[in-house]
Amino acid sequence: MKRITIKRLRPNRAVSLHVPAEATLMVARGKAWLTSDADPADRFLCHGRRYTAVKAEHLVLQAIDKTVVYAIRYPEPRNFRVGLTAFWKGQIAAPAAPRSAFGGG
């Protein structure tokens, strides 16, 4: 399950973000300036525009003139995805329930 964080950034304020690979930042409202340590080109993001991190990155996001509402979608941990698929295919046994769950000791 992917986790999404929604935040607000007041005008002329900046926030420092450390995001993992494949995380996506989207501006839902307002205009923002984005700088990444992985990319020498700065970007301007406005309503509906996205930036997806290619690798783990340090981003700086700054609201340009009005309050910016932005969302970050974090990717699923890869080991969770692989483990769940293997479980459903019967390659991994389900964990045993503790005896106390059945009223026993």
C-alpha atoms as a PDB file:
ATOM      1  CA  MET A   1       0.000   0.000   0.000  1.00  0.00           C
ATOM      2  CA  LYS A   2       1.399   3.368  -0.993  1.00  0.00           C
ATOM      3  CA  ARG A   3       1.536   6.114   1.598  1.00  0.00           C
ATOM      4  CA  ILE A   4       0.534   9.666   0.661  1.00  0.00           C
ATOM      5  CA  THR A   5       1.376  12.757   2.704  1.00  0.00           C
ATOM      6  CA  ILE A   6      -0.409  16.068   2.049  1.00  0.00           C
ATOM      7  CA  LYS A   7       1.065  19.325   3.372  1.00  0.00           C
ATOM      8  CA  ARG A   8       0.736  23.098   3.064  1.00  0.00           C
ATOM      9  CA  LEU A   9       3.577  25.532   2.533  1.00  0.00           C
ATOM     10  CA  ARG A  10       3.030  29.215   3.274  1.00  0.00           C
ATOM     11  CA  PRO A  11       4.050  31.915   0.754  1.00  0.00           C
ATOM     12  CA  ASN A  12       7.792  32.553   0.404  1.00  0.00           C
ATOM     13  CA  ARG A  13       8.630  29.624   2.705  1.00  0.00           C
ATOM     14  CA  ALA A  14      10.763  26.641   1.815  1.00  0.00           C
ATOM     15  CA  VAL A  15      10.857  23.059   3.039  1.00  0.00           C
ATOM     16  CA  SER A  16      13.679  20.526   2.832  1.00  0.00           C
ATOM     17  CA  LEU A  17      12.507  17.024   1.874  1.00  0.00           C
ATOM     18  CA  HIS A  18      14.389  13.737   1.776  1.00  0.00           C
ATOM     19  CA  VAL A  19      12.501  11.352  -0.480  1.00  0.00           C
ATOM     20  CA  PRO A  20      13.221   7.757  -1.533  1.00  0.00           C
ATOM     21  CA  ALA A  21      13.558   6.581  -5.123  1.00  0.00           C
ATOM     22  CA  GLU A  22      10.259   6.510  -7.021  1.00  0.00           C
ATOM     23  CA  ALA A  23       8.567   8.967  -4.625  1.00  0.00           C
ATOM     24  CA  THR A  24       6.333  11.434  -6.481  1.00  0.00           C
ATOM     25  CA  LEU A  25       5.779  15.041  -5.436  1.00  0.00           C
ATOM     26  CA  MET A  26       2.694  16.772  -6.845  1.00  0.00           C
ATOM     27  CA  VAL A  27       1.578  20.371  -6.409  1.00  0.00           C
ATOM     28  CA  ALA A  28      -2.175  20.390  -5.859  1.00  0.00           C
ATOM     29  CA  ARG A  29      -2.569  24.152  -5.459  1.00  0.00           C
ATOM     30  CA  GLY A  30      -0.311  27.155  -6.041  1.00  0.00           C
ATOM     31  CA  LYS A  31       3.088  27.536  -7.667  1.00  0.00           C
ATOM     32  CA  ALA A  32       6.367  26.226  -6.307  1.00  0.00           C
ATOM     33  CA  TRP A  33      10.044  26.216  -7.133  1.00  0.00           C
ATOM     34  CA  LEU A  34      11.772  22.822  -6.812  1.00  0.00           C
ATOM     35  CA  THR A  35      15.471  22.059  -6.549  1.00  0.00           C
ATOM     36  CA  SER A  36      16.905  18.530  -6.412  1.00  0.00           C
ATOM     37  CA  ASP A  37      20.407  17.423  -5.531  1.00  0.00           C
ATOM     38  CA  ALA A  38      20.110  14.801  -8.301  1.00  0.00           C
ATOM     39  CA  ASP A  39      19.257  17.272 -11.085  1.00  0.00           C
ATOM     40  CA  PRO A  40      21.064  20.561 -11.794  1.00  0.00           C
ATOM     41  CA  ALA A  41      17.963  22.076 -13.447  1.00  0.00           C
ATOM     42  CA  ASP A  42      15.479  23.829 -11.174  1.00  0.00           C
ATOM     43  CA  ARG A  43      11.797  23.282 -11.889  1.00  0.00           C
ATOM     44  CA  PHE A  44       8.674  25.335 -11.443  1.00  0.00           C
ATOM     45  CA  LEU A  45       5.655  23.267 -10.532  1.00  0.00           C
ATOM     46  CA  CYS A  46       2.081  24.508 -10.588  1.00  0.00           C
ATOM     47  CA  HIS A  47      -1.326  22.898 -10.053  1.00  0.00           C
ATOM     48  CA  GLY A  48      -1.270  19.260 -11.200  1.00  0.00           C
ATOM     49  CA  ARG A  49       2.433  19.106 -12.088  1.00  0.00           C
ATOM     50  CA  ARG A  50       4.543  16.264 -10.719  1.00  0.00           C
ATOM     51  CA  TYR A  51       8.139  15.351 -10.075  1.00  0.00           C
ATOM     52  CA  THR A  52       9.216  11.735  -9.547  1.00  0.00           C
ATOM     53  CA  ALA A  53      12.539  11.001  -7.866  1.00  0.00           C
ATOM     54  CA  VAL A  54      14.765   8.697  -9.879  1.00  0.00           C
ATOM     55  CA  LYS A  55      16.839   7.807  -6.823  1.00  0.00           C
ATOM     56  CA  ALA A  56      16.800   8.814  -3.154  1.00  0.00           C
ATOM     57  CA  GLU A  57      17.028  12.596  -3.305  1.00  0.00           C
ATOM     58  CA  HIS A  58      17.146  15.755  -1.234  1.00  0.00           C
ATOM     59  CA  LEU A  59      14.566  18.254  -2.513  1.00  0.00           C
ATOM     60  CA  VAL A  60      13.924  21.873  -1.605  1.00  0.00           C
ATOM     61  CA  LEU A  61      10.427  23.134  -2.351  1.00  0.00           C
ATOM     62  CA  GLN A  62       9.568  26.833  -2.085  1.00  0.00           C
ATOM     63  CA  ALA A  63       6.136  28.446  -2.360  1.00  0.00           C
ATOM     64  CA  ILE A  64       6.345  31.307  -4.852  1.00  0.00           C
ATOM     65  CA  ASP A  65       3.475  33.678  -4.111  1.00  0.00           C
ATOM     66  CA  LYS A  66       0.530  31.909  -2.468  1.00  0.00           C
ATOM     67  CA  THR A  67       0.121  28.992  -0.119  1.00  0.00           C
ATOM     68  CA  VAL A  68       1.090  25.769  -1.857  1.00  0.00           C
ATOM     69  CA  VAL A  69      -0.637  22.478  -1.151  1.00  0.00           C
ATOM     70  CA  TYR A  70       1.542  19.536  -2.137  1.00  0.00           C
ATOM     71  CA  ALA A  71       1.405  15.777  -1.822  1.00  0.00           C
ATOM     72  CA  ILE A  72       4.157  13.179  -1.706  1.00  0.00           C
ATOM     73  CA  ARG A  73       3.344   9.612  -2.692  1.00  0.00           C
ATOM     74  CA  TYR A  74       5.858   7.162  -1.279  1.00  0.00           C
ATOM     75  CA  PRO A  75       6.441   3.843  -3.082  1.00  0.00           C
ATOM     76  CA  GLU A  76       5.705   0.483  -1.530  1.00  0.00           C
ATOM     77  CA  PRO A  77       8.705  -1.181   0.056  1.00  0.00           C
ATOM     78  CA  ARG A  78       9.896  -3.720  -2.515  1.00  0.00           C
ATOM     79  CA  ASN A  79      10.310  -6.539   0.008  1.00  0.00           C
ATOM     80  CA  PHE A  80       6.643  -6.129   1.063  1.00  0.00           C
ATOM     81  CA  ARG A  81       5.462  -6.430  -2.538  1.00  0.00           C
ATOM     82  CA  VAL A  82       7.595  -9.521  -3.181  1.00  0.00           C
ATOM     83  CA  GLY A  83       6.609 -11.120   0.146  1.00  0.00           C
ATOM     84  CA  LEU A  84       2.894 -10.574  -0.402  1.00  0.00           C
ATOM     85  CA  THR A  85       3.035 -12.014  -3.929  1.00  0.00           C
ATOM     86  CA  ALA A  86       4.939 -15.063  -2.691  1.00  0.00           C
ATOM     87  CA  PHE A  87       2.425 -15.530   0.136  1.00  0.00           C
ATOM     88  CA  TRP A  88      -0.548 -15.512  -2.254  1.00  0.00           C
ATOM     89  CA  LYS A  89       1.194 -17.961  -4.569  1.00  0.00           C
ATOM     90  CA  GLY A  90       1.707 -20.322  -1.626  1.00  0.00           C
ATOM     91  CA  GLN A  91       5.490 -19.972  -1.626  1.00  0.00           C
ATOM     92  CA  ILE A  92       5.532 -18.615   1.927  1.00  0.00           C
ATOM     93  CA  ALA A  93       3.499 -20.190   4.731  1.00  0.00           C
ATOM     94  CA  ALA A  94       1.219 -17.975   6.784  1.00  0.00           C
ATOM     95  CA  PRO A  95       2.528 -17.283  10.287  1.00  0.00           C
ATOM     96  CA  ALA A  96       1.154 -19.648  12.911  1.00  0.00           C
ATOM     97  CA  ALA A  97      -1.400 -18.156  15.281  1.00  0.00           C
ATOM     98  CA  PRO A  98      -0.443 -18.173  18.946  1.00  0.00           C
ATOM     99  CA  ARG A  99      -2.147 -20.938  20.938  1.00  0.00           C
ATOM    100  CA  SER A 100      -3.807 -18.393  23.222  1.00  0.00           C
ATOM    101  CA  ALA A 101      -5.803 -17.133  20.241  1.00  0.00           C
ATOM    102  CA  PHE A 102      -7.745 -20.409  20.284  1.00  0.00           C
ATOM    103  CA  GLY A 103      -8.313 -20.371  24.012  1.00  0.00           C
ATOM    104  CA  GLY A 104      -5.517 -22.850  24.689  1.00  0.00           C
ATOM    105  CA  GLY A 105      -2.415 -22.338  26.740  1.00  0.00           C
END
